[in-house]
Amino acid sequence: VQLQASGGGLVQDGGSLRLSCTATGRTPINHAVAWFRQAPGREREFVAGIGWNVGETQYHYSVKGRFAISRDKAKSTAYLQMNSLTPEDTAVYYCAGRYGGSIHTTAPVYTYWGQGTLVTVSS
């Protein structure tokens, strides 16, 4: 499976963006897909994840209530709707997938990754 992330950009404090992550090569049935982010000088951190089959979700506490992850099975695409963005959300955002279906918050267990997309929130 290959992942293609898109949708990053520059937005003002309080604004919104929607990131997309499209899978090609194989439909991610029985997979989990997650978004991670990495800000300069910081470790990559889990943002949100979704189980592809059932659609269960999990969020980092810092984005709960502001971000929403979803997936469109027909398009093999996962989305991350980001609302009420703050400068602290500025980072490169990566989508990742793993076989097995369960969501994990640690990056090493994800076996395939898309390229990053930069999100910059100005104050």
PDB file of N, CA and C in Angstrom:
ATOM      1  N   VAL A   1       0.847  -1.185   0.000  1.00  0.00           N
ATOM      2  CA  VAL A   1       0.000   0.000   0.000  1.00  0.00           C
ATOM      3  C   VAL A   1       0.887   1.241   0.000  1.00  0.00           C
ATOM      4  N   GLN A   2       0.540   2.199  -0.827  1.00  0.00           N
ATOM      5  CA  GLN A   2       1.214   3.493  -0.813  1.00  0.00           C
ATOM      6  C   GLN A   2       0.213   4.549  -0.373  1.00  0.00           C
ATOM      7  N   LEU A   3       0.705   5.522   0.368  1.00  0.00           N
ATOM      8  CA  LEU A   3      -0.154   6.587   0.865  1.00  0.00           C
ATOM      9  C   LEU A   3       0.299   7.918   0.294  1.00  0.00           C
ATOM     10  N   GLN A   4      -0.658   8.733  -0.071  1.00  0.00           N
ATOM     11  CA  GLN A   4      -0.390  10.070  -0.594  1.00  0.00           C
ATOM     12  C   GLN A   4      -1.151  11.074   0.250  1.00  0.00           C
ATOM     13  N   ALA A   5      -0.406  11.918   0.962  1.00  0.00           N
ATOM     14  CA  ALA A   5      -1.019  12.923   1.827  1.00  0.00           C
ATOM     15  C   ALA A   5      -1.069  14.260   1.111  1.00  0.00           C
ATOM     16  N   SER A   6      -2.106  15.013   1.399  1.00  0.00           N
ATOM     17  CA  SER A   6      -2.249  16.339   0.806  1.00  0.00           C
ATOM     18  C   SER A   6      -3.134  17.200   1.686  1.00  0.00           C
ATOM     19  N   GLY A   7      -3.175  18.488   1.370  1.00  0.00           N
ATOM     20  CA  GLY A   7      -4.095  19.383   2.059  1.00  0.00           C
ATOM     21  C   GLY A   7      -3.468  20.364   3.015  1.00  0.00           C
ATOM     22  N   GLY A   8      -2.173  20.261   3.230  1.00  0.00           N
ATOM     23  CA  GLY A   8      -1.525  21.204   4.128  1.00  0.00           C
ATOM     24  C   GLY A   8      -1.477  22.595   3.546  1.00  0.00           C
ATOM     25  N   GLY A   9      -1.101  23.553   4.381  1.00  0.00           N
ATOM     26  CA  GLY A   9      -1.000  24.933   3.922  1.00  0.00           C
ATOM     27  C   GLY A   9      -0.853  25.882   5.072  1.00  0.00           C
ATOM     28  N   LEU A  10      -1.019  27.153   4.749  1.00  0.00           N
ATOM     29  CA  LEU A  10      -0.909  28.217   5.740  1.00  0.00           C
ATOM     30  C   LEU A  10      -2.313  28.686   6.115  1.00  0.00           C
ATOM     31  N   VAL A  11      -2.567  28.762   7.407  1.00  0.00           N
ATOM     32  CA  VAL A  11      -3.874  29.195   7.888  1.00  0.00           C
ATOM     33  C   VAL A  11      -3.671  30.067   9.118  1.00  0.00           C
ATOM     34  N   GLN A  12      -4.599  30.952   9.367  1.00  0.00           N
ATOM     35  CA  GLN A  12      -4.510  31.814  10.535  1.00  0.00           C
ATOM     36  C   GLN A  12      -5.003  31.115  11.787  1.00  0.00           C
ATOM     37  N   ASP A  13      -4.564  31.618  12.888  1.00  0.00           N
ATOM     38  CA  ASP A  13      -5.005  31.130  14.197  1.00  0.00           C
ATOM     39  C   ASP A  13      -6.530  31.082  14.227  1.00  0.00           C
ATOM     40  N   GLY A  14      -7.080  29.936  14.617  1.00  0.00           N
ATOM     41  CA  GLY A  14      -8.523  29.762  14.656  1.00  0.00           C
ATOM     42  C   GLY A  14      -9.130  29.212  13.383  1.00  0.00           C
ATOM     43  N   GLY A  15      -8.318  29.063  12.355  1.00  0.00           N
ATOM     44  CA  GLY A  15      -8.802  28.584  11.074  1.00  0.00           C
ATOM     45  C   GLY A  15      -8.919  27.071  10.997  1.00  0.00           C
ATOM     46  N   SER A  16      -9.254  26.593   9.800  1.00  0.00           N
ATOM     47  CA  SER A  16      -9.482  25.165   9.574  1.00  0.00           C
ATOM     48  C   SER A  16      -8.754  24.695   8.326  1.00  0.00           C
ATOM     49  N   LEU A  17      -8.420  23.425   8.331  1.00  0.00           N
ATOM     50  CA  LEU A  17      -7.862  22.751   7.171  1.00  0.00           C
ATOM     51  C   LEU A  17      -8.355  21.317   7.173  1.00  0.00           C
ATOM     52  N   ARG A  18      -8.383  20.712   5.990  1.00  0.00           N
ATOM     53  CA  ARG A  18      -8.690  19.292   5.900  1.00  0.00           C
ATOM     54  C   ARG A  18      -7.566  18.591   5.145  1.00  0.00           C
ATOM     55  N   LEU A  19      -6.974  17.633   5.797  1.00  0.00           N
ATOM     56  CA  LEU A  19      -5.933  16.830   5.172  1.00  0.00           C
ATOM     57  C   LEU A  19      -6.544  15.559   4.593  1.00  0.00           C
ATOM     58  N   SER A  20      -5.965  15.098   3.507  1.00  0.00           N
ATOM     59  CA  SER A  20      -6.401  13.862   2.872  1.00  0.00           C
ATOM     60  C   SER A  20      -5.239  12.887   2.780  1.00  0.00           C
ATOM     61  N   CYS A  21      -5.559  11.626   2.863  1.00  0.00           N
ATOM     62  CA  CYS A  21      -4.555  10.565   2.754  1.00  0.00           C
ATOM     63  C   CYS A  21      -5.161   9.461   1.897  1.00  0.00           C
ATOM     64  N   THR A  22      -4.682   9.334   0.673  1.00  0.00           N
ATOM     65  CA  THR A  22      -5.247   8.379  -0.269  1.00  0.00           C
ATOM     66  C   THR A  22      -4.329   7.171  -0.420  1.00  0.00           C
ATOM     67  N   ALA A  23      -4.924   6.000  -0.306  1.00  0.00           N
ATOM     68  CA  ALA A  23      -4.180   4.745  -0.440  1.00  0.00           C
ATOM     69  C   ALA A  23      -4.287   4.234  -1.860  1.00  0.00           C
ATOM     70  N   THR A  24      -3.170   3.823  -2.399  1.00  0.00           N
ATOM     71  CA  THR A  24      -3.133   3.209  -3.725  1.00  0.00           C
ATOM     72  C   THR A  24      -2.390   1.885  -3.638  1.00  0.00           C
ATOM     73  N   GLY A  25      -2.592   1.062  -4.621  1.00  0.00           N
ATOM     74  CA  GLY A  25      -1.900  -0.216  -4.682  1.00  0.00           C
ATOM     75  C   GLY A  25      -2.675  -1.337  -4.043  1.00  0.00           C
ATOM     76  N   ARG A  26      -3.435  -1.015  -3.014  1.00  0.00           N
ATOM     77  CA  ARG A  26      -4.201  -2.034  -2.324  1.00  0.00           C
ATOM     78  C   ARG A  26      -5.173  -1.328  -1.394  1.00  0.00           C
ATOM     79  N   THR A  27      -6.383  -1.793  -1.330  1.00  0.00           N
ATOM     80  CA  THR A  27      -7.356  -1.202  -0.415  1.00  0.00           C
ATOM     81  C   THR A  27      -6.989  -1.589   1.019  1.00  0.00           C
ATOM     82  N   PRO A  28      -6.933  -0.643   1.927  1.00  0.00           N
ATOM     83  CA  PRO A  28      -6.466  -0.932   3.291  1.00  0.00           C
ATOM     84  C   PRO A  28      -7.498  -1.648   4.167  1.00  0.00           C
ATOM     85  N   ILE A  29      -8.065  -2.720   3.641  1.00  0.00           N
ATOM     86  CA  ILE A  29      -9.008  -3.512   4.438  1.00  0.00           C
ATOM     87  C   ILE A  29      -8.249  -4.129   5.609  1.00  0.00           C
ATOM     88  N   ASN A  30      -8.896  -4.140   6.771  1.00  0.00           N
ATOM     89  CA  ASN A  30      -8.285  -4.702   7.977  1.00  0.00           C
ATOM     90  C   ASN A  30      -7.028  -3.939   8.395  1.00  0.00           C
ATOM     91  N   HIS A  31      -6.948  -2.690   8.012  1.00  0.00           N
ATOM     92  CA  HIS A  31      -5.830  -1.866   8.421  1.00  0.00           C
ATOM     93  C   HIS A  31      -6.318  -0.785   9.373  1.00  0.00           C
ATOM     94  N   ALA A  32      -5.375  -0.163  10.042  1.00  0.00           N
ATOM     95  CA  ALA A  32      -5.633   1.065  10.768  1.00  0.00           C
ATOM     96  C   ALA A  32      -4.818   2.159  10.104  1.00  0.00           C
ATOM     97  N   VAL A  33      -5.403   3.317  10.008  1.00  0.00           N
ATOM     98  CA  VAL A  33      -4.725   4.474   9.428  1.00  0.00           C
ATOM     99  C   VAL A  33      -4.674   5.572  10.474  1.00  0.00           C
ATOM    100  N   ALA A  34      -3.541   6.235  10.553  1.00  0.00           N
ATOM    101  CA  ALA A  34      -3.367   7.267  11.578  1.00  0.00           C
ATOM    102  C   ALA A  34      -2.667   8.481  10.989  1.00  0.00           C
ATOM    103  N   TRP A  35      -2.862   9.588  11.672  1.00  0.00           N
ATOM    104  CA  TRP A  35      -2.119  10.808  11.385  1.00  0.00           C
ATOM    105  C   TRP A  35      -1.153  11.063  12.532  1.00  0.00           C
ATOM    106  N   PHE A  36       0.068  11.365  12.165  1.00  0.00           N
ATOM    107  CA  PHE A  36       1.096  11.797  13.104  1.00  0.00           C
ATOM    108  C   PHE A  36       1.557  13.193  12.686  1.00  0.00           C
ATOM    109  N   ARG A  37       2.219  13.874  13.583  1.00  0.00           N
ATOM    110  CA  ARG A  37       2.794  15.165  13.228  1.00  0.00           C
ATOM    111  C   ARG A  37       4.137  15.327  13.912  1.00  0.00           C
ATOM    112  N   GLN A  38       4.970  16.143  13.285  1.00  0.00           N
ATOM    113  CA  GLN A  38       6.282  16.411  13.843  1.00  0.00           C
ATOM    114  C   GLN A  38       6.613  17.874  13.654  1.00  0.00           C
ATOM    115  N   ALA A  39       6.775  18.561  14.773  1.00  0.00           N
ATOM    116  CA  ALA A  39       7.176  19.959  14.757  1.00  0.00           C
ATOM    117  C   ALA A  39       8.694  20.041  14.863  1.00  0.00           C
ATOM    118  N   PRO A  40       9.296  21.143  14.424  1.00  0.00           N
ATOM    119  CA  PRO A  40      10.751  21.277  14.494  1.00  0.00           C
ATOM    120  C   PRO A  40      11.273  21.062  15.906  1.00  0.00           C
ATOM    121  N   GLY A  41      12.266  20.200  16.034  1.00  0.00           N
ATOM    122  CA  GLY A  41      12.886  19.948  17.320  1.00  0.00           C
ATOM    123  C   GLY A  41      12.090  19.058  18.243  1.00  0.00           C
ATOM    124  N   ARG A  42      10.999  18.485  17.749  1.00  0.00           N
ATOM    125  CA  ARG A  42      10.158  17.639  18.597  1.00  0.00           C
ATOM    126  C   ARG A  42      10.011  16.264  17.973  1.00  0.00           C
ATOM    127  N   GLU A  43       9.646  15.314  18.796  1.00  0.00           N
ATOM    128  CA  GLU A  43       9.432  13.967  18.312  1.00  0.00           C
ATOM    129  C   GLU A  43       8.110  13.878  17.550  1.00  0.00           C
ATOM    130  N   ARG A  44       8.045  12.881  16.692  1.00  0.00           N
ATOM    131  CA  ARG A  44       6.801  12.637  15.976  1.00  0.00           C
ATOM    132  C   ARG A  44       5.753  12.150  16.966  1.00  0.00           C
ATOM    133  N   GLU A  45       4.574  12.716  16.903  1.00  0.00           N
ATOM    134  CA  GLU A  45       3.527  12.342  17.852  1.00  0.00           C
ATOM    135  C   GLU A  45       2.236  11.958  17.146  1.00  0.00           C
ATOM    136  N   PHE A  46       1.542  11.057  17.790  1.00  0.00           N
ATOM    137  CA  PHE A  46       0.251  10.578  17.297  1.00  0.00           C
ATOM    138  C   PHE A  46      -0.773  11.696  17.408  1.00  0.00           C
ATOM    139  N   VAL A  47      -1.583  11.837  16.376  1.00  0.00           N
ATOM    140  CA  VAL A  47      -2.650  12.831  16.379  1.00  0.00           C
ATOM    141  C   VAL A  47      -4.020  12.162  16.433  1.00  0.00           C
ATOM    142  N   ALA A  48      -4.273  11.253  15.503  1.00  0.00           N
ATOM    143  CA  ALA A  48      -5.571  10.589  15.436  1.00  0.00           C
ATOM    144  C   ALA A  48      -5.437   9.323  14.606  1.00  0.00           C
ATOM    145  N   GLY A  49      -6.301   8.353  14.895  1.00  0.00           N
ATOM    146  CA  GLY A  49      -6.282   7.111  14.140  1.00  0.00           C
ATOM    147  C   GLY A  49      -7.690   6.595  13.921  1.00  0.00           C
ATOM    148  N   ILE A  50      -7.834   5.738  12.904  1.00  0.00           N
ATOM    149  CA  ILE A  50      -9.134   5.170  12.580  1.00  0.00           C
ATOM    150  C   ILE A  50      -8.961   3.739  12.109  1.00  0.00           C
ATOM    151  N   GLY A  51      -9.834   2.878  12.558  1.00  0.00           N
ATOM    152  CA  GLY A  51      -9.872   1.517  12.063  1.00  0.00           C
ATOM    153  C   GLY A  51     -10.636   1.484  10.758  1.00  0.00           C
ATOM    154  N   TRP A  52     -10.034   0.900   9.738  1.00  0.00           N
ATOM    155  CA  TRP A  52     -10.627   1.031   8.409  1.00  0.00           C
ATOM    156  C   TRP A  52     -11.960   0.322   8.281  1.00  0.00           C
ATOM    157  N   ASN A  53     -12.094  -0.829   8.875  1.00  0.00           N
ATOM    158  CA  ASN A  53     -13.312  -1.607   8.687  1.00  0.00           C
ATOM    159  C   ASN A  53     -14.503  -1.029   9.449  1.00  0.00           C
ATOM    160  N   VAL A  54     -14.340  -0.835  10.736  1.00  0.00           N
ATOM    161  CA  VAL A  54     -15.460  -0.428  11.584  1.00  0.00           C
ATOM    162  C   VAL A  54     -15.548   1.085  11.702  1.00  0.00           C
ATOM    163  N   GLY A  55     -14.419   1.752  11.628  1.00  0.00           N
ATOM    164  CA  GLY A  55     -14.415   3.204  11.722  1.00  0.00           C
ATOM    165  C   GLY A  55     -14.232   3.740  13.128  1.00  0.00           C
ATOM    166  N   GLU A  56     -13.792   2.890  14.070  1.00  0.00           N
ATOM    167  CA  GLU A  56     -13.527   3.409  15.408  1.00  0.00           C
ATOM    168  C   GLU A  56     -12.372   4.402  15.356  1.00  0.00           C
ATOM    169  N   THR A  57     -12.386   5.361  16.261  1.00  0.00           N
ATOM    170  CA  THR A  57     -11.391   6.430  16.217  1.00  0.00           C
ATOM    171  C   THR A  57     -10.702   6.608  17.571  1.00  0.00           C
ATOM    172  N   GLN A  58      -9.565   7.244  17.531  1.00  0.00           N
ATOM    173  CA  GLN A  58      -8.816   7.563  18.736  1.00  0.00           C
ATOM    174  C   GLN A  58      -8.076   8.865  18.470  1.00  0.00           C
ATOM    175  N   TYR A  59      -7.977   9.706  19.502  1.00  0.00           N
ATOM    176  CA  TYR A  59      -7.358  11.020  19.349  1.00  0.00           C
ATOM    177  C   TYR A  59      -6.349  11.294  20.452  1.00  0.00           C
ATOM    178  N   HIS A  60      -5.371  12.098  20.124  1.00  0.00           N
ATOM    179  CA  HIS A  60      -4.502  12.666  21.155  1.00  0.00           C
ATOM    180  C   HIS A  60      -5.335  13.683  21.930  1.00  0.00           C
ATOM    181  N   TYR A  61      -5.102  13.766  23.210  1.00  0.00           N
ATOM    182  CA  TYR A  61      -5.925  14.625  24.048  1.00  0.00           C
ATOM    183  C   TYR A  61      -5.876  16.081  23.591  1.00  0.00           C
ATOM    184  N   SER A  62      -4.778  16.507  22.990  1.00  0.00           N
ATOM    185  CA  SER A  62      -4.620  17.920  22.632  1.00  0.00           C
ATOM    186  C   SER A  62      -5.472  18.322  21.428  1.00  0.00           C
ATOM    187  N   VAL A  63      -5.976  17.349  20.681  1.00  0.00           N
ATOM    188  CA  VAL A  63      -6.776  17.678  19.499  1.00  0.00           C
ATOM    189  C   VAL A  63      -8.219  17.221  19.641  1.00  0.00           C
ATOM    190  N   LYS A  64      -8.526  16.519  20.693  1.00  0.00           N
ATOM    191  CA  LYS A  64      -9.884  16.007  20.877  1.00  0.00           C
ATOM    192  C   LYS A  64     -10.864  17.169  20.947  1.00  0.00           C
ATOM    193  N   GLY A  65     -11.923  17.058  20.175  1.00  0.00           N
ATOM    194  CA  GLY A  65     -12.911  18.123  20.118  1.00  0.00           C
ATOM    195  C   GLY A  65     -12.635  19.161  19.046  1.00  0.00           C
ATOM    196  N   ARG A  66     -11.419  19.170  18.516  1.00  0.00           N
ATOM    197  CA  ARG A  66     -11.071  20.118  17.449  1.00  0.00           C
ATOM    198  C   ARG A  66     -10.830  19.401  16.122  1.00  0.00           C
ATOM    199  N   PHE A  67     -10.252  18.224  16.176  1.00  0.00           N
ATOM    200  CA  PHE A  67      -9.935  17.467  14.966  1.00  0.00           C
ATOM    201  C   PHE A  67     -10.889  16.289  14.835  1.00  0.00           C
ATOM    202  N   ALA A  68     -11.133  15.873  13.617  1.00  0.00           N
ATOM    203  CA  ALA A  68     -11.972  14.711  13.368  1.00  0.00           C
ATOM    204  C   ALA A  68     -11.369  13.892  12.235  1.00  0.00           C
ATOM    205  N   ILE A  69     -11.162  12.612  12.495  1.00  0.00           N
ATOM    206  CA  ILE A  69     -10.649  11.715  11.471  1.00  0.00           C
ATOM    207  C   ILE A  69     -11.803  10.901  10.913  1.00  0.00           C
ATOM    208  N   SER A  70     -11.767  10.665   9.621  1.00  0.00           N
ATOM    209  CA  SER A  70     -12.814   9.883   8.971  1.00  0.00           C
ATOM    210  C   SER A  70     -12.192   9.164   7.781  1.00  0.00           C
ATOM    211  N   ARG A  71     -12.964   8.272   7.183  1.00  0.00           N
ATOM    212  CA  ARG A  71     -12.465   7.603   5.981  1.00  0.00           C
ATOM    213  C   ARG A  71     -13.616   7.372   5.018  1.00  0.00           C
ATOM    214  N   ASP A  72     -13.287   7.378   3.746  1.00  0.00           N
ATOM    215  CA  ASP A  72     -14.224   7.083   2.677  1.00  0.00           C
ATOM    216  C   ASP A  72     -13.726   5.809   2.027  1.00  0.00           C
ATOM    217  N   LYS A  73     -14.408   4.734   2.297  1.00  0.00           N
ATOM    218  CA  LYS A  73     -13.948   3.444   1.789  1.00  0.00           C
ATOM    219  C   LYS A  73     -13.916   3.411   0.270  1.00  0.00           C
ATOM    220  N   ALA A  74     -14.924   3.984  -0.346  1.00  0.00           N
ATOM    221  CA  ALA A  74     -15.010   3.943  -1.808  1.00  0.00           C
ATOM    222  C   ALA A  74     -13.839   4.666  -2.465  1.00  0.00           C
ATOM    223  N   LYS A  75     -13.318   5.683  -1.789  1.00  0.00           N
ATOM    224  CA  LYS A  75     -12.205   6.451  -2.338  1.00  0.00           C
ATOM    225  C   LYS A  75     -10.864   6.027  -1.752  1.00  0.00           C
ATOM    226  N   SER A  76     -10.884   5.056  -0.833  1.00  0.00           N
ATOM    227  CA  SER A  76      -9.652   4.619  -0.158  1.00  0.00           C
ATOM    228  C   SER A  76      -8.894   5.815   0.412  1.00  0.00           C
ATOM    229  N   THR A  77      -9.635   6.721   0.995  1.00  0.00           N
ATOM    230  CA  THR A  77      -9.054   7.972   1.490  1.00  0.00           C
ATOM    231  C   THR A  77      -9.476   8.222   2.930  1.00  0.00           C
ATOM    232  N   ALA A  78      -8.501   8.594   3.726  1.00  0.00           N
ATOM    233  CA  ALA A  78      -8.756   9.035   5.091  1.00  0.00           C
ATOM    234  C   ALA A  78      -8.595  10.543   5.142  1.00  0.00           C
ATOM    235  N   TYR A  79      -9.359  11.161   6.027  1.00  0.00           N
ATOM    236  CA  TYR A  79      -9.343  12.608   6.149  1.00  0.00           C
ATOM    237  C   TYR A  79      -9.046  13.009   7.588  1.00  0.00           C
ATOM    238  N   LEU A  80      -8.461  14.174   7.725  1.00  0.00           N
ATOM    239  CA  LEU A  80      -8.297  14.773   9.041  1.00  0.00           C
ATOM    240  C   LEU A  80      -8.817  16.202   8.950  1.00  0.00           C
ATOM    241  N   GLN A  81      -9.998  16.412   9.498  1.00  0.00           N
ATOM    242  CA  GLN A  81     -10.576  17.746   9.554  1.00  0.00           C
ATOM    243  C   GLN A  81     -10.033  18.440  10.787  1.00  0.00           C
ATOM    244  N   MET A  82      -9.383  19.566  10.598  1.00  0.00           N
ATOM    245  CA  MET A  82      -8.753  20.280  11.706  1.00  0.00           C
ATOM    246  C   MET A  82      -9.404  21.640  11.859  1.00  0.00           C
ATOM    247  N   ASN A  83     -10.032  21.855  12.995  1.00  0.00           N
ATOM    248  CA  ASN A  83     -10.701  23.117  13.287  1.00  0.00           C
ATOM    249  C   ASN A  83     -10.031  23.798  14.483  1.00  0.00           C
ATOM    250  N   SER A  84     -10.310  25.062  14.640  1.00  0.00           N
ATOM    251  CA  SER A  84      -9.775  25.845  15.759  1.00  0.00           C
ATOM    252  C   SER A  84      -8.264  25.661  15.884  1.00  0.00           C
ATOM    253  N   LEU A  85      -7.592  25.780  14.778  1.00  0.00           N
ATOM    254  CA  LEU A  85      -6.140  25.571  14.761  1.00  0.00           C
ATOM    255  C   LEU A  85      -5.431  26.677  15.530  1.00  0.00           C
ATOM    256  N   THR A  86      -4.348  26.308  16.171  1.00  0.00           N
ATOM    257  CA  THR A  86      -3.507  27.249  16.905  1.00  0.00           C
ATOM    258  C   THR A  86      -2.071  27.106  16.400  1.00  0.00           C
ATOM    259  N   PRO A  87      -1.227  28.080  16.688  1.00  0.00           N
ATOM    260  CA  PRO A  87       0.183  27.958  16.258  1.00  0.00           C
ATOM    261  C   PRO A  87       0.858  26.686  16.774  1.00  0.00           C
ATOM    262  N   GLU A  88       0.377  26.146  17.898  1.00  0.00           N
ATOM    263  CA  GLU A  88       0.954  24.918  18.437  1.00  0.00           C
ATOM    264  C   GLU A  88       0.669  23.706  17.559  1.00  0.00           C
ATOM    265  N   ASP A  89      -0.251  23.834  16.624  1.00  0.00           N
ATOM    266  CA  ASP A  89      -0.546  22.751  15.684  1.00  0.00           C
ATOM    267  C   ASP A  89       0.377  22.769  14.476  1.00  0.00           C
ATOM    268  N   THR A  90       1.224  23.769  14.375  1.00  0.00           N
ATOM    269  CA  THR A  90       2.148  23.859  13.251  1.00  0.00           C
ATOM    270  C   THR A  90       3.106  22.676  13.260  1.00  0.00           C
ATOM    271  N   ALA A  91       3.151  21.955  12.157  1.00  0.00           N
ATOM    272  CA  ALA A  91       3.991  20.756  12.063  1.00  0.00           C
ATOM    273  C   ALA A  91       3.876  20.180  10.662  1.00  0.00           C
ATOM    274  N   VAL A  92       4.733  19.216  10.387  1.00  0.00           N
ATOM    275  CA  VAL A  92       4.554  18.371   9.208  1.00  0.00           C
ATOM    276  C   VAL A  92       3.663  17.211   9.629  1.00  0.00           C
ATOM    277  N   TYR A  93       2.604  16.996   8.909  1.00  0.00           N
ATOM    278  CA  TYR A  93       1.645  15.942   9.227  1.00  0.00           C
ATOM    279  C   TYR A  93       1.863  14.767   8.279  1.00  0.00           C
ATOM    280  N   TYR A  94       1.907  13.576   8.856  1.00  0.00           N
ATOM    281  CA  TYR A  94       2.120  12.344   8.107  1.00  0.00           C
ATOM    282  C   TYR A  94       0.943  11.405   8.325  1.00  0.00           C
ATOM    283  N   CYS A  95       0.543  10.719   7.270  1.00  0.00           N
ATOM    284  CA  CYS A  95      -0.402   9.629   7.460  1.00  0.00           C
ATOM    285  C   CYS A  95       0.364   8.316   7.379  1.00  0.00           C
ATOM    286  N   ALA A  96      -0.139   7.335   8.103  1.00  0.00           N
ATOM    287  CA  ALA A  96       0.537   6.054   8.199  1.00  0.00           C
ATOM    288  C   ALA A  96      -0.492   4.952   8.335  1.00  0.00           C
ATOM    289  N   GLY A  97      -0.097   3.743   7.940  1.00  0.00           N
ATOM    290  CA  GLY A  97      -1.007   2.619   8.043  1.00  0.00           C
ATOM    291  C   GLY A  97      -0.314   1.392   8.618  1.00  0.00           C
ATOM    292  N   ARG A  98      -1.115   0.523   9.174  1.00  0.00           N
ATOM    293  CA  ARG A  98      -0.581  -0.724   9.702  1.00  0.00           C
ATOM    294  C   ARG A  98      -1.595  -1.823   9.468  1.00  0.00           C
ATOM    295  N   TYR A  99      -1.093  -3.019   9.297  1.00  0.00           N
ATOM    296  CA  TYR A  99      -1.943  -4.180   9.115  1.00  0.00           C
ATOM    297  C   TYR A  99      -2.460  -4.629  10.484  1.00  0.00           C
ATOM    298  N   GLY A 100      -3.628  -5.186  10.494  1.00  0.00           N
ATOM    299  CA  GLY A 100      -4.140  -5.737  11.738  1.00  0.00           C
ATOM    300  C   GLY A 100      -5.350  -5.012  12.274  1.00  0.00           C
ATOM    301  N   GLY A 101      -5.562  -3.783  11.865  1.00  0.00           N
ATOM    302  CA  GLY A 101      -6.816  -3.115  12.183  1.00  0.00           C
ATOM    303  C   GLY A 101      -6.865  -2.320  13.458  1.00  0.00           C
ATOM    304  N   SER A 102      -6.034  -2.605  14.435  1.00  0.00           N
ATOM    305  CA  SER A 102      -6.140  -1.878  15.701  1.00  0.00           C
ATOM    306  C   SER A 102      -5.273  -0.621  15.662  1.00  0.00           C
ATOM    307  N   ILE A 103      -5.788   0.419  16.297  1.00  0.00           N
ATOM    308  CA  ILE A 103      -5.098   1.699  16.329  1.00  0.00           C
ATOM    309  C   ILE A 103      -4.020   1.673  17.416  1.00  0.00           C
ATOM    310  N   HIS A 104      -2.850   2.140  17.070  1.00  0.00           N
ATOM    311  CA  HIS A 104      -1.773   2.290  18.048  1.00  0.00           C
ATOM    312  C   HIS A 104      -1.279   3.728  17.991  1.00  0.00           C
ATOM    313  N   THR A 105      -0.763   4.196  19.097  1.00  0.00           N
ATOM    314  CA  THR A 105      -0.312   5.587  19.161  1.00  0.00           C
ATOM    315  C   THR A 105       1.180   5.738  18.964  1.00  0.00           C
ATOM    316  N   THR A 106       1.884   4.635  18.750  1.00  0.00           N
ATOM    317  CA  THR A 106       3.330   4.698  18.581  1.00  0.00           C
ATOM    318  C   THR A 106       3.698   4.517  17.117  1.00  0.00           C
ATOM    319  N   ALA A 107       4.577   5.365  16.630  1.00  0.00           N
ATOM    320  CA  ALA A 107       4.920   5.388  15.220  1.00  0.00           C
ATOM    321  C   ALA A 107       5.565   4.096  14.699  1.00  0.00           C
ATOM    322  N   PRO A 108       6.462   3.452  15.437  1.00  0.00           N
ATOM    323  CA  PRO A 108       7.168   2.291  14.877  1.00  0.00           C
ATOM    324  C   PRO A 108       6.276   1.129  14.459  1.00  0.00           C
ATOM    325  N   VAL A 109       5.080   1.027  14.996  1.00  0.00           N
ATOM    326  CA  VAL A 109       4.232  -0.112  14.636  1.00  0.00           C
ATOM    327  C   VAL A 109       3.516   0.100  13.311  1.00  0.00           C
ATOM    328  N   TYR A 110       3.615   1.290  12.762  1.00  0.00           N
ATOM    329  CA  TYR A 110       3.000   1.553  11.466  1.00  0.00           C
ATOM    330  C   TYR A 110       3.996   1.184  10.375  1.00  0.00           C
ATOM    331  N   THR A 111       3.536   0.421   9.411  1.00  0.00           N
ATOM    332  CA  THR A 111       4.461  -0.196   8.459  1.00  0.00           C
ATOM    333  C   THR A 111       4.587   0.552   7.138  1.00  0.00           C
ATOM    334  N   TYR A 112       3.656   1.430   6.846  1.00  0.00           N
ATOM    335  CA  TYR A 112       3.808   2.210   5.626  1.00  0.00           C
ATOM    336  C   TYR A 112       3.356   3.636   5.882  1.00  0.00           C
ATOM    337  N   TRP A 113       4.048   4.558   5.230  1.00  0.00           N
ATOM    338  CA  TRP A 113       3.892   5.980   5.498  1.00  0.00           C
ATOM    339  C   TRP A 113       3.756   6.764   4.192  1.00  0.00           C
ATOM    340  N   GLY A 114       2.971   7.816   4.282  1.00  0.00           N
ATOM    341  CA  GLY A 114       2.926   8.777   3.193  1.00  0.00           C
ATOM    342  C   GLY A 114       3.968   9.858   3.409  1.00  0.00           C
ATOM    343  N   GLN A 115       4.148  10.692   2.418  1.00  0.00           N
ATOM    344  CA  GLN A 115       5.051  11.824   2.593  1.00  0.00           C
ATOM    345  C   GLN A 115       4.344  12.848   3.475  1.00  0.00           C
ATOM    346  N   GLY A 116       5.061  13.706   4.084  1.00  0.00           N
ATOM    347  CA  GLY A 116       4.447  14.688   4.962  1.00  0.00           C
ATOM    348  C   GLY A 116       3.820  15.835   4.206  1.00  0.00           C
ATOM    349  N   THR A 117       2.900  16.493   4.875  1.00  0.00           N
ATOM    350  CA  THR A 117       2.313  17.710   4.345  1.00  0.00           C
ATOM    351  C   THR A 117       2.393  18.770   5.436  1.00  0.00           C
ATOM    352  N   LEU A 118       2.898  19.938   5.096  1.00  0.00           N
ATOM    353  CA  LEU A 118       3.177  20.966   6.083  1.00  0.00           C
ATOM    354  C   LEU A 118       1.933  21.788   6.402  1.00  0.00           C
ATOM    355  N   VAL A 119       1.666  21.904   7.686  1.00  0.00           N
ATOM    356  CA  VAL A 119       0.601  22.767   8.182  1.00  0.00           C
ATOM    357  C   VAL A 119       1.248  23.881   9.000  1.00  0.00           C
ATOM    358  N   THR A 120       0.975  25.113   8.615  1.00  0.00           N
ATOM    359  CA  THR A 120       1.522  26.260   9.327  1.00  0.00           C
ATOM    360  C   THR A 120       0.367  27.141   9.780  1.00  0.00           C
ATOM    361  N   VAL A 121       0.310  27.386  11.076  1.00  0.00           N
ATOM    362  CA  VAL A 121      -0.740  28.229  11.650  1.00  0.00           C
ATOM    363  C   VAL A 121      -0.097  29.513  12.147  1.00  0.00           C
ATOM    364  N   SER A 122      -0.504  30.612  11.581  1.00  0.00           N
ATOM    365  CA  SER A 122       0.074  31.900  11.951  1.00  0.00           C
ATOM    366  C   SER A 122      -0.749  32.548  13.052  1.00  0.00           C
ATOM    367  N   SER A 123      -0.056  33.279  13.906  1.00  0.00           N
ATOM    368  CA  SER A 123      -0.745  33.938  15.026  1.00  0.00           C
ATOM    369  C   SER A 123      -1.198  35.334  14.651  1.00  0.00           C
TER     370      SER A 123
END
